[in-house]
Amino acid sequence: MASIRDLKKDINFVLGDIIEAVYQWEAATDNTNSNEGSVIIDKSIAAFDELMNKVHQKEIEDKRTHFKAIRESLEEKATALVNDLNNLGE
């Protein structure tokens, strides 16, 4: 099983990359501080907070299942955010 530190890094990098992609889209389309981009950024930050809170839970019965669920949740949230990002400007 991957370490908790690696899971934290994955959460940070994946959601950080999505936020960076929003900034790049805004810069490329001269659409700085767009409402659509702000919504995706806010969702990314909320997902980060939620996932990190789950990582830091103390009383867990089955750690392996718990962290696997967090990783799956990260994948689902990231996929939804990337889909939102791909639909920007449509």
Protein backbone atom coordinates (compact mmCIF):
# COMPACT_ATOMS: atom_id res chain seq x y z
CA MET A 1 0.00 0.00 0.00
CA ALA A 2 1.25 3.47 -0.85
CA SER A 3 2.15 5.70 2.02
CA ILE A 4 -0.12 8.34 3.45
CA ARG A 5 2.44 10.96 2.44
CA ASP A 6 2.16 9.83 -1.20
CA LEU A 7 -1.62 10.04 -1.01
CA LYS A 8 -1.39 13.59 0.32
CA LYS A 9 1.00 14.51 -2.49
CA ASP A 10 -1.34 12.98 -5.07
CA ILE A 11 -4.28 14.98 -3.74
CA ASN A 12 -2.23 18.17 -3.77
CA PHE A 13 -0.73 17.63 -7.23
CA VAL A 14 -3.91 16.49 -8.99
CA LEU A 15 -6.12 19.27 -7.67
CA GLY A 16 -3.32 21.82 -8.02
CA ASP A 17 -2.88 20.86 -11.67
CA ILE A 18 -6.60 21.35 -12.28
CA ILE A 19 -6.46 24.82 -10.72
CA GLU A 20 -3.37 25.64 -12.81
CA ALA A 21 -5.21 24.49 -15.95
CA VAL A 22 -8.04 26.90 -15.14
CA TYR A 23 -5.55 29.76 -14.85
CA GLN A 24 -3.98 28.75 -18.15
CA TRP A 25 -7.39 28.66 -19.85
CA GLU A 26 -8.23 32.09 -18.46
CA ALA A 27 -4.92 33.51 -19.69
CA ALA A 28 -5.28 31.93 -23.13
CA THR A 29 -8.81 33.26 -23.62
CA ASP A 30 -8.34 36.69 -21.99
CA ASN A 31 -11.05 35.65 -19.56
CA THR A 32 -9.28 36.42 -16.28
CA ASN A 33 -11.28 35.89 -13.11
CA SER A 34 -14.11 34.26 -15.05
CA ASN A 35 -17.09 33.00 -13.11
CA GLU A 36 -16.82 29.57 -14.72
CA GLY A 37 -13.16 29.28 -13.76
CA SER A 38 -13.83 30.48 -10.24
CA VAL A 39 -16.47 27.78 -9.79
CA ILE A 40 -14.01 25.05 -10.81
CA ILE A 41 -11.32 26.49 -8.54
CA ASP A 42 -13.76 26.63 -5.62
CA LYS A 43 -14.83 23.03 -6.26
CA SER A 44 -11.17 21.97 -6.38
CA ILE A 45 -10.42 23.66 -3.06
CA ALA A 46 -13.51 22.11 -1.47
CA ALA A 47 -12.49 18.68 -2.76
CA PHE A 48 -8.96 19.21 -1.38
CA ASP A 49 -10.30 20.16 2.05
CA GLU A 50 -12.71 17.22 2.12
CA LEU A 51 -10.12 14.66 1.07
CA MET A 52 -7.45 15.96 3.45
CA ASN A 53 -9.95 15.85 6.32
CA LYS A 54 -10.59 12.20 5.47
CA VAL A 55 -6.85 11.48 5.37
CA HIS A 56 -6.41 12.99 8.83
CA GLN A 57 -9.22 11.04 10.50
CA LYS A 58 -7.85 9.28 13.55
CA GLU A 59 -10.28 6.54 14.50
CA ILE A 60 -10.38 4.20 11.52
CA GLU A 61 -11.16 0.50 11.77
CA ASP A 62 -9.79 -0.66 8.41
CA LYS A 63 -7.05 1.69 7.19
CA ARG A 64 -6.49 -0.07 3.89
CA THR A 65 -10.15 0.23 2.87
CA HIS A 66 -10.35 3.80 4.16
CA PHE A 67 -7.37 5.04 2.14
CA LYS A 68 -8.43 3.10 -0.94
CA ALA A 69 -11.81 4.85 -0.75
CA ILE A 70 -10.06 8.23 -0.48
CA ARG A 71 -7.98 7.47 -3.57
CA GLU A 72 -11.12 6.42 -5.48
CA SER A 73 -12.90 9.57 -4.34
CA LEU A 74 -9.96 11.66 -5.57
CA GLU A 75 -10.19 9.99 -8.96
CA GLU A 76 -13.95 10.60 -9.22
CA LYS A 77 -13.69 14.24 -8.15
CA ALA A 78 -10.73 14.92 -10.43
CA THR A 79 -12.52 13.35 -13.40
CA ALA A 80 -15.60 15.51 -12.78
CA LEU A 81 -13.47 18.65 -12.45
CA VAL A 82 -11.55 17.86 -15.65
CA ASN A 83 -14.86 17.38 -17.46
CA ASP A 84 -15.97 20.79 -16.17
CA LEU A 85 -12.67 22.25 -17.33
CA ASN A 86 -13.05 20.72 -20.77
CA ASN A 87 -16.52 22.28 -21.06
CA LEU A 88 -15.28 25.81 -20.32
CA GLY A 89 -16.15 28.30 -22.99
CA GLU A 90 -18.72 26.13 -24.73
